[in-house]
Amino acid sequence: MDRDALKRAAAARAVEEIRDGMVVGLGSGSTAEIALALLAERKPKIVGVSTSERTSRLARQLGLTLASLDDHPVLDLAIDGADQVERGTLGLIKGLGGALLREKIVASAARRLIVMVDDSKLVDRLGGIASPGAGARRWRGSRVRACNQPCAAAASRS
């Protein structure tokens, strides 16, 4: 399977978790954009909270309903990608695309976080990638569990 097909599979697996009536954090990046397109095809009755202006524009173009964290301070689920995921620990590096702050705020507001990655993002040790400014940060989630591939990790908060 090529990289685009793997991204699409990871995005599709994450979208399967979204149900009508949910408030969903909508991530940033190429895999998140694929997930938005797949989500729009389903026409679910959800409200999205975006992690970036680019994601907001795309969600609106696709006909998805958006709100803010002021309107919905607790999200049922957030879906987002990662720049790296460490095998074994499922620690993450996020934020190379520049939306780190909003991504972290939205993820923190979510009861569950699904991180969509293909196998090219899995590494034995985090690091070794360039950061634009202060972009890259390590995320170490508690209660992180592995999903069936290609959806690499999901973190939940209770």
N, C-alpha and C. Protein backbone atom coordinates (compact mmCIF):
# COMPACT_ATOMS: atom_id res chain seq x y z
N MET A 1 0.85 -1.17 0.00
CA MET A 1 0.00 0.00 0.00
C MET A 1 0.90 1.24 0.00
N ASP A 2 0.59 2.23 -0.85
CA ASP A 2 1.41 3.45 -0.88
C ASP A 2 1.04 4.37 0.28
N ARG A 3 1.84 5.39 0.48
CA ARG A 3 1.67 6.29 1.63
C ARG A 3 0.30 6.97 1.63
N ASP A 4 -0.18 7.44 0.47
CA ASP A 4 -1.49 8.08 0.41
C ASP A 4 -2.60 7.11 0.81
N ALA A 5 -2.48 5.87 0.38
CA ALA A 5 -3.49 4.87 0.76
C ALA A 5 -3.45 4.59 2.26
N LEU A 6 -2.26 4.58 2.85
CA LEU A 6 -2.13 4.38 4.29
C LEU A 6 -2.74 5.55 5.06
N LYS A 7 -2.48 6.77 4.59
CA LYS A 7 -3.08 7.95 5.24
C LYS A 7 -4.59 7.87 5.17
N ARG A 8 -5.10 7.51 4.00
CA ARG A 8 -6.55 7.41 3.82
C ARG A 8 -7.13 6.33 4.75
N ALA A 9 -6.44 5.22 4.88
CA ALA A 9 -6.91 4.15 5.77
C ALA A 9 -6.92 4.61 7.23
N ALA A 10 -5.87 5.33 7.65
CA ALA A 10 -5.83 5.85 9.02
C ALA A 10 -6.95 6.85 9.25
N ALA A 11 -7.17 7.73 8.29
CA ALA A 11 -8.24 8.73 8.41
C ALA A 11 -9.61 8.05 8.45
N ALA A 12 -9.81 7.05 7.60
CA ALA A 12 -11.09 6.35 7.55
C ALA A 12 -11.37 5.65 8.88
N ARG A 13 -10.33 5.06 9.47
CA ARG A 13 -10.52 4.37 10.76
C ARG A 13 -10.91 5.37 11.84
N ALA A 14 -10.31 6.54 11.84
CA ALA A 14 -10.66 7.56 12.84
C ALA A 14 -12.09 8.04 12.63
N VAL A 15 -12.47 8.28 11.39
CA VAL A 15 -13.82 8.78 11.08
C VAL A 15 -14.89 7.77 11.50
N GLU A 16 -14.57 6.48 11.48
CA GLU A 16 -15.52 5.45 11.93
C GLU A 16 -15.96 5.66 13.37
N GLU A 17 -15.12 6.31 14.17
CA GLU A 17 -15.42 6.53 15.59
C GLU A 17 -16.37 7.69 15.83
N ILE A 18 -16.64 8.48 14.81
CA ILE A 18 -17.47 9.68 14.95
C ILE A 18 -18.94 9.33 14.76
N ARG A 19 -19.77 9.73 15.71
CA ARG A 19 -21.20 9.44 15.70
C ARG A 19 -22.00 10.74 15.67
N ASP A 20 -23.21 10.65 15.15
CA ASP A 20 -24.12 11.81 15.17
C ASP A 20 -24.26 12.33 16.60
N GLY A 21 -24.33 13.64 16.71
CA GLY A 21 -24.50 14.29 18.01
C GLY A 21 -23.20 14.62 18.72
N MET A 22 -22.07 14.16 18.19
CA MET A 22 -20.79 14.43 18.84
C MET A 22 -20.28 15.83 18.55
N VAL A 23 -19.48 16.34 19.47
CA VAL A 23 -18.68 17.54 19.25
C VAL A 23 -17.25 17.03 19.07
N VAL A 24 -16.66 17.35 17.91
CA VAL A 24 -15.41 16.71 17.51
C VAL A 24 -14.33 17.75 17.22
N GLY A 25 -13.17 17.57 17.81
CA GLY A 25 -12.01 18.38 17.48
C GLY A 25 -11.46 17.94 16.14
N LEU A 26 -11.26 18.89 15.24
CA LEU A 26 -10.81 18.60 13.89
C LEU A 26 -9.37 19.06 13.74
N GLY A 27 -8.46 18.12 13.54
CA GLY A 27 -7.05 18.39 13.51
C GLY A 27 -6.55 19.05 12.25
N SER A 28 -5.24 19.21 12.19
CA SER A 28 -4.55 19.89 11.10
C SER A 28 -3.61 18.91 10.40
N GLY A 29 -3.29 19.22 9.16
CA GLY A 29 -2.32 18.42 8.42
C GLY A 29 -2.97 17.58 7.34
N SER A 30 -2.12 16.89 6.59
CA SER A 30 -2.61 16.17 5.40
C SER A 30 -3.55 15.02 5.74
N THR A 31 -3.27 14.25 6.77
CA THR A 31 -4.17 13.15 7.12
C THR A 31 -5.47 13.68 7.69
N ALA A 32 -5.42 14.75 8.46
CA ALA A 32 -6.64 15.36 8.99
C ALA A 32 -7.51 15.90 7.86
N GLU A 33 -6.89 16.43 6.81
CA GLU A 33 -7.66 16.92 5.68
C GLU A 33 -8.37 15.77 4.95
N ILE A 34 -7.72 14.63 4.86
CA ILE A 34 -8.36 13.45 4.28
C ILE A 34 -9.55 13.04 5.15
N ALA A 35 -9.36 13.06 6.46
CA ALA A 35 -10.44 12.70 7.38
C ALA A 35 -11.62 13.65 7.23
N LEU A 36 -11.36 14.95 7.06
CA LEU A 36 -12.46 15.91 6.86
C LEU A 36 -13.27 15.57 5.61
N ALA A 37 -12.58 15.25 4.52
CA ALA A 37 -13.27 14.90 3.28
C ALA A 37 -14.12 13.64 3.47
N LEU A 38 -13.57 12.64 4.14
CA LEU A 38 -14.32 11.41 4.40
C LEU A 38 -15.51 11.68 5.31
N LEU A 39 -15.29 12.53 6.29
CA LEU A 39 -16.36 12.89 7.22
C LEU A 39 -17.49 13.61 6.48
N ALA A 40 -17.14 14.53 5.62
CA ALA A 40 -18.15 15.28 4.86
C ALA A 40 -18.98 14.36 3.96
N GLU A 41 -18.35 13.31 3.42
CA GLU A 41 -19.09 12.34 2.59
C GLU A 41 -20.20 11.67 3.38
N ARG A 42 -19.98 11.44 4.67
CA ARG A 42 -20.97 10.78 5.53
C ARG A 42 -22.11 11.71 5.95
N LYS A 43 -21.87 13.02 5.86
CA LYS A 43 -22.84 14.04 6.28
C LYS A 43 -23.38 13.80 7.71
N PRO A 44 -22.49 13.66 8.66
CA PRO A 44 -22.94 13.42 10.03
C PRO A 44 -23.50 14.70 10.66
N LYS A 45 -24.30 14.51 11.66
CA LYS A 45 -24.84 15.64 12.43
C LYS A 45 -23.92 15.85 13.63
N ILE A 46 -22.81 16.53 13.36
CA ILE A 46 -21.82 16.81 14.39
C ILE A 46 -21.51 18.29 14.40
N VAL A 47 -20.80 18.70 15.42
CA VAL A 47 -20.24 20.04 15.48
C VAL A 47 -18.73 19.86 15.59
N GLY A 48 -17.99 20.58 14.76
CA GLY A 48 -16.54 20.50 14.78
C GLY A 48 -15.92 21.71 15.43
N VAL A 49 -14.80 21.49 16.10
CA VAL A 49 -13.97 22.56 16.65
C VAL A 49 -12.60 22.40 16.01
N SER A 50 -12.19 23.40 15.28
CA SER A 50 -11.00 23.33 14.45
C SER A 50 -9.73 23.68 15.20
N THR A 51 -8.61 23.08 14.75
CA THR A 51 -7.30 23.38 15.33
C THR A 51 -6.51 24.40 14.52
N SER A 52 -7.05 24.83 13.37
CA SER A 52 -6.32 25.82 12.56
C SER A 52 -7.28 26.55 11.63
N GLU A 53 -6.84 27.69 11.14
CA GLU A 53 -7.64 28.44 10.18
C GLU A 53 -7.81 27.65 8.88
N ARG A 54 -6.76 26.96 8.48
CA ARG A 54 -6.84 26.15 7.26
C ARG A 54 -7.90 25.05 7.41
N THR A 55 -7.90 24.39 8.55
CA THR A 55 -8.91 23.35 8.81
C THR A 55 -10.30 23.96 8.84
N SER A 56 -10.44 25.13 9.42
CA SER A 56 -11.75 25.81 9.46
C SER A 56 -12.25 26.10 8.05
N ARG A 57 -11.36 26.65 7.21
CA ARG A 57 -11.76 26.94 5.82
C ARG A 57 -12.22 25.68 5.09
N LEU A 58 -11.44 24.62 5.20
CA LEU A 58 -11.78 23.37 4.52
C LEU A 58 -13.08 22.80 5.06
N ALA A 59 -13.25 22.79 6.37
CA ALA A 59 -14.48 22.25 6.96
C ALA A 59 -15.70 23.02 6.46
N ARG A 60 -15.60 24.34 6.41
CA ARG A 60 -16.72 25.14 5.90
C ARG A 60 -17.01 24.83 4.43
N GLN A 61 -15.95 24.72 3.63
CA GLN A 61 -16.12 24.38 2.20
C GLN A 61 -16.81 23.03 2.03
N LEU A 62 -16.55 22.11 2.95
CA LEU A 62 -17.13 20.77 2.88
C LEU A 62 -18.51 20.70 3.53
N GLY A 63 -18.98 21.82 4.08
CA GLY A 63 -20.31 21.85 4.67
C GLY A 63 -20.41 21.36 6.10
N LEU A 64 -19.29 21.27 6.79
CA LEU A 64 -19.32 20.83 8.19
C LEU A 64 -19.63 22.01 9.10
N THR A 65 -20.38 21.76 10.15
CA THR A 65 -20.75 22.78 11.12
C THR A 65 -19.59 22.98 12.09
N LEU A 66 -19.23 24.25 12.32
CA LEU A 66 -18.13 24.57 13.23
C LEU A 66 -18.62 25.41 14.39
N ALA A 67 -17.93 25.28 15.50
CA ALA A 67 -18.17 26.08 16.69
C ALA A 67 -16.80 26.32 17.34
N SER A 68 -16.82 26.98 18.47
CA SER A 68 -15.57 27.25 19.19
C SER A 68 -15.56 26.51 20.52
N LEU A 69 -14.41 26.52 21.16
CA LEU A 69 -14.34 25.95 22.51
C LEU A 69 -15.12 26.78 23.51
N ASP A 70 -15.36 28.05 23.20
CA ASP A 70 -16.23 28.85 24.07
C ASP A 70 -17.64 28.27 24.06
N ASP A 71 -18.08 27.81 22.88
CA ASP A 71 -19.41 27.21 22.75
C ASP A 71 -19.45 25.80 23.33
N HIS A 72 -18.38 25.05 23.16
CA HIS A 72 -18.30 23.64 23.57
C HIS A 72 -16.96 23.40 24.26
N PRO A 73 -16.85 23.68 25.56
CA PRO A 73 -15.57 23.54 26.25
C PRO A 73 -15.12 22.09 26.44
N VAL A 74 -16.04 21.13 26.30
CA VAL A 74 -15.69 19.71 26.40
C VAL A 74 -16.09 19.05 25.09
N LEU A 75 -15.12 18.35 24.48
CA LEU A 75 -15.36 17.67 23.21
C LEU A 75 -15.48 16.17 23.45
N ASP A 76 -16.31 15.53 22.66
CA ASP A 76 -16.45 14.07 22.77
C ASP A 76 -15.20 13.36 22.26
N LEU A 77 -14.62 13.90 21.21
CA LEU A 77 -13.51 13.25 20.52
C LEU A 77 -12.73 14.30 19.75
N ALA A 78 -11.44 14.09 19.61
CA ALA A 78 -10.62 14.90 18.71
C ALA A 78 -9.83 13.94 17.83
N ILE A 79 -9.68 14.32 16.56
CA ILE A 79 -8.86 13.53 15.63
C ILE A 79 -7.78 14.45 15.08
N ASP A 80 -6.56 13.94 15.03
CA ASP A 80 -5.44 14.75 14.56
C ASP A 80 -4.31 13.83 14.14
N GLY A 81 -3.37 14.36 13.42
CA GLY A 81 -2.18 13.62 13.02
C GLY A 81 -1.04 13.90 13.97
N ALA A 82 0.11 13.36 13.65
CA ALA A 82 1.33 13.61 14.42
C ALA A 82 2.51 13.57 13.46
N ASP A 83 3.59 14.23 13.85
CA ASP A 83 4.79 14.23 13.03
C ASP A 83 5.64 12.99 13.28
N GLN A 84 5.63 12.53 14.53
CA GLN A 84 6.31 11.28 14.89
C GLN A 84 5.54 10.62 16.02
N VAL A 85 5.57 9.28 16.03
CA VAL A 85 5.03 8.49 17.14
C VAL A 85 6.10 7.46 17.50
N GLU A 86 6.47 7.45 18.77
CA GLU A 86 7.52 6.53 19.23
C GLU A 86 6.92 5.16 19.51
N ARG A 87 7.48 4.14 18.84
CA ARG A 87 7.05 2.77 19.08
C ARG A 87 7.25 2.42 20.56
N GLY A 88 6.36 1.66 21.10
CA GLY A 88 6.50 1.21 22.49
C GLY A 88 5.89 2.17 23.49
N THR A 89 6.25 3.45 23.42
CA THR A 89 5.73 4.42 24.38
C THR A 89 4.52 5.18 23.84
N LEU A 90 4.40 5.26 22.51
CA LEU A 90 3.39 6.07 21.83
C LEU A 90 3.51 7.55 22.18
N GLY A 91 4.70 7.99 22.62
CA GLY A 91 4.96 9.43 22.76
C GLY A 91 4.87 10.07 21.38
N LEU A 92 4.51 11.34 21.32
CA LEU A 92 4.29 12.03 20.06
C LEU A 92 5.16 13.27 19.92
N ILE A 93 5.48 13.60 18.68
CA ILE A 93 5.94 14.94 18.35
C ILE A 93 4.88 15.52 17.44
N LYS A 94 4.40 16.70 17.80
CA LYS A 94 3.38 17.41 17.05
C LYS A 94 3.82 18.84 16.85
N GLY A 95 3.18 19.50 15.92
CA GLY A 95 3.36 20.94 15.80
C GLY A 95 4.30 21.42 14.74
N LEU A 96 4.85 20.53 13.92
CA LEU A 96 5.76 21.00 12.88
C LEU A 96 5.03 21.81 11.83
N GLY A 97 3.73 21.61 11.70
CA GLY A 97 2.95 22.40 10.76
C GLY A 97 2.57 23.77 11.29
N GLY A 98 2.85 24.06 12.55
CA GLY A 98 2.63 25.39 13.09
C GLY A 98 1.34 25.59 13.86
N ALA A 99 0.52 24.56 14.02
CA ALA A 99 -0.76 24.71 14.71
C ALA A 99 -0.72 24.09 16.11
N LEU A 100 0.47 23.97 16.68
CA LEU A 100 0.64 23.25 17.94
C LEU A 100 -0.24 23.75 19.07
N LEU A 101 -0.28 25.04 19.30
CA LEU A 101 -1.03 25.56 20.44
C LEU A 101 -2.50 25.19 20.35
N ARG A 102 -3.13 25.46 19.22
CA ARG A 102 -4.55 25.11 19.07
C ARG A 102 -4.76 23.61 19.10
N GLU A 103 -3.83 22.85 18.53
CA GLU A 103 -3.95 21.40 18.58
C GLU A 103 -3.95 20.89 20.02
N LYS A 104 -3.05 21.44 20.84
CA LYS A 104 -2.97 21.01 22.24
C LYS A 104 -4.21 21.43 23.02
N ILE A 105 -4.70 22.63 22.78
CA ILE A 105 -5.88 23.10 23.49
C ILE A 105 -7.08 22.23 23.14
N VAL A 106 -7.27 21.96 21.86
CA VAL A 106 -8.41 21.13 21.42
C VAL A 106 -8.25 19.71 21.96
N ALA A 107 -7.06 19.13 21.87
CA ALA A 107 -6.84 17.78 22.39
C ALA A 107 -7.11 17.72 23.89
N SER A 108 -6.71 18.76 24.61
CA SER A 108 -6.93 18.78 26.07
C SER A 108 -8.40 18.87 26.43
N ALA A 109 -9.20 19.44 25.55
CA ALA A 109 -10.63 19.57 25.81
C ALA A 109 -11.41 18.29 25.47
N ALA A 110 -10.75 17.35 24.79
CA ALA A 110 -11.43 16.15 24.30
C ALA A 110 -11.39 15.02 25.32
N ARG A 111 -12.50 14.29 25.40
CA ARG A 111 -12.54 13.09 26.23
C ARG A 111 -11.65 11.99 25.65
N ARG A 112 -11.59 11.93 24.31
CA ARG A 112 -10.75 10.95 23.61
C ARG A 112 -10.01 11.66 22.49
N LEU A 113 -8.78 11.22 22.25
CA LEU A 113 -7.97 11.74 21.15
C LEU A 113 -7.55 10.57 20.29
N ILE A 114 -7.85 10.65 19.00
CA ILE A 114 -7.37 9.65 18.06
C ILE A 114 -6.29 10.30 17.21
N VAL A 115 -5.11 9.70 17.24
CA VAL A 115 -3.98 10.19 16.48
C VAL A 115 -3.86 9.33 15.22
N MET A 116 -3.99 9.99 14.06
CA MET A 116 -3.98 9.29 12.78
C MET A 116 -2.60 9.39 12.16
N VAL A 117 -1.94 8.25 12.00
CA VAL A 117 -0.63 8.24 11.36
C VAL A 117 -0.50 7.00 10.48
N ASP A 118 0.36 7.12 9.47
CA ASP A 118 0.75 5.94 8.71
C ASP A 118 2.10 5.47 9.24
N ASP A 119 2.56 4.34 8.79
CA ASP A 119 3.78 3.76 9.36
C ASP A 119 5.03 4.60 9.13
N SER A 120 4.99 5.55 8.21
CA SER A 120 6.17 6.41 8.01
C SER A 120 6.39 7.34 9.20
N LYS A 121 5.41 7.52 10.06
CA LYS A 121 5.53 8.40 11.23
C LYS A 121 6.00 7.66 12.47
N LEU A 122 6.07 6.33 12.40
CA LEU A 122 6.50 5.53 13.55
C LEU A 122 8.02 5.49 13.60
N VAL A 123 8.57 5.79 14.79
CA VAL A 123 10.02 5.83 14.97
C VAL A 123 10.40 5.08 16.24
N ASP A 124 11.65 4.64 16.30
CA ASP A 124 12.13 3.97 17.51
C ASP A 124 12.43 4.97 18.62
N ARG A 125 12.83 6.20 18.21
CA ARG A 125 13.13 7.24 19.19
C ARG A 125 12.71 8.58 18.62
N LEU A 126 12.00 9.37 19.41
CA LEU A 126 11.55 10.68 18.97
C LEU A 126 12.72 11.61 18.72
N GLY A 127 12.55 12.52 17.76
CA GLY A 127 13.55 13.54 17.50
C GLY A 127 14.14 13.40 16.11
N GLY A 128 15.16 14.22 15.87
CA GLY A 128 15.86 14.17 14.60
C GLY A 128 15.12 14.83 13.45
N ILE A 129 14.12 15.65 13.77
CA ILE A 129 13.42 16.38 12.72
C ILE A 129 13.49 17.86 13.04
N ALA A 130 13.56 18.66 11.99
CA ALA A 130 13.70 20.10 12.14
C ALA A 130 12.40 20.72 12.62
N SER A 131 12.54 21.72 13.45
CA SER A 131 11.38 22.43 13.99
C SER A 131 11.37 23.87 13.50
N PRO A 132 10.25 24.33 12.91
CA PRO A 132 10.17 25.75 12.56
C PRO A 132 9.91 26.57 13.81
N GLY A 133 10.90 27.28 14.29
CA GLY A 133 10.72 28.05 15.51
C GLY A 133 10.53 27.13 16.70
N ALA A 134 9.46 27.35 17.43
CA ALA A 134 9.20 26.55 18.64
C ALA A 134 8.13 25.50 18.38
N GLY A 135 8.00 25.03 17.16
CA GLY A 135 6.89 24.16 16.79
C GLY A 135 6.86 22.79 17.42
N ALA A 136 7.93 22.03 17.35
CA ALA A 136 7.88 20.62 17.75
C ALA A 136 7.86 20.49 19.27
N ARG A 137 6.99 19.68 19.74
CA ARG A 137 6.89 19.39 21.16
C ARG A 137 6.58 17.92 21.33
N ARG A 138 7.04 17.36 22.43
CA ARG A 138 6.75 15.97 22.73
C ARG A 138 5.47 15.89 23.55
N TRP A 139 4.63 14.98 23.20
CA TRP A 139 3.41 14.72 23.96
C TRP A 139 3.54 13.34 24.56
N ARG A 140 3.33 13.23 25.81
CA ARG A 140 3.31 11.93 26.47
C ARG A 140 1.95 11.82 27.14
N GLY A 141 1.08 11.05 26.55
CA GLY A 141 -0.27 10.92 27.09
C GLY A 141 -0.35 9.79 28.08
N SER A 142 -1.18 9.98 29.10
CA SER A 142 -1.46 8.87 29.99
C SER A 142 -2.59 8.07 29.35
N ARG A 143 -2.61 6.82 29.65
CA ARG A 143 -3.62 5.91 29.11
C ARG A 143 -3.68 5.94 27.59
N VAL A 144 -2.54 5.90 26.95
CA VAL A 144 -2.49 5.82 25.50
C VAL A 144 -2.50 4.35 25.13
N ARG A 145 -3.32 3.98 24.16
CA ARG A 145 -3.39 2.58 23.77
C ARG A 145 -3.26 2.46 22.26
N ALA A 146 -2.74 1.36 21.83
CA ALA A 146 -2.59 1.12 20.40
C ALA A 146 -3.90 0.63 19.82
N CYS A 147 -4.23 1.11 18.62
CA CYS A 147 -5.37 0.61 17.86
C CYS A 147 -4.84 -0.34 16.81
N ASN A 148 -5.74 -0.99 16.11
CA ASN A 148 -5.33 -1.76 14.94
C ASN A 148 -4.72 -0.80 13.94
N GLN A 149 -3.64 -1.20 13.29
CA GLN A 149 -3.06 -0.36 12.25
C GLN A 149 -4.11 -0.14 11.18
N PRO A 150 -4.13 0.97 10.46
CA PRO A 150 -3.14 2.02 10.43
C PRO A 150 -3.44 3.17 11.37
N CYS A 151 -4.46 3.08 12.19
CA CYS A 151 -4.72 4.13 13.17
C CYS A 151 -3.84 3.84 14.36
N ALA A 152 -2.74 4.56 14.50
CA ALA A 152 -1.66 4.13 15.39
C ALA A 152 -1.95 4.29 16.87
N ALA A 153 -2.62 5.33 17.28
CA ALA A 153 -2.74 5.55 18.73
C ALA A 153 -4.01 6.29 19.06
N ALA A 154 -4.54 6.00 20.22
CA ALA A 154 -5.69 6.75 20.73
C ALA A 154 -5.44 7.01 22.20
N ALA A 155 -5.68 8.21 22.64
CA ALA A 155 -5.56 8.54 24.04
C ALA A 155 -6.94 8.90 24.55
N SER A 156 -7.26 8.49 25.75
CA SER A 156 -8.57 8.84 26.28
C SER A 156 -8.41 9.46 27.65
N ARG A 157 -9.32 10.33 27.96
CA ARG A 157 -9.34 10.98 29.26
C ARG A 157 -10.69 10.67 29.89
N SER A 158 -10.69 10.37 31.17
CA SER A 158 -11.97 10.18 31.84
C SER A 158 -12.05 11.03 33.07
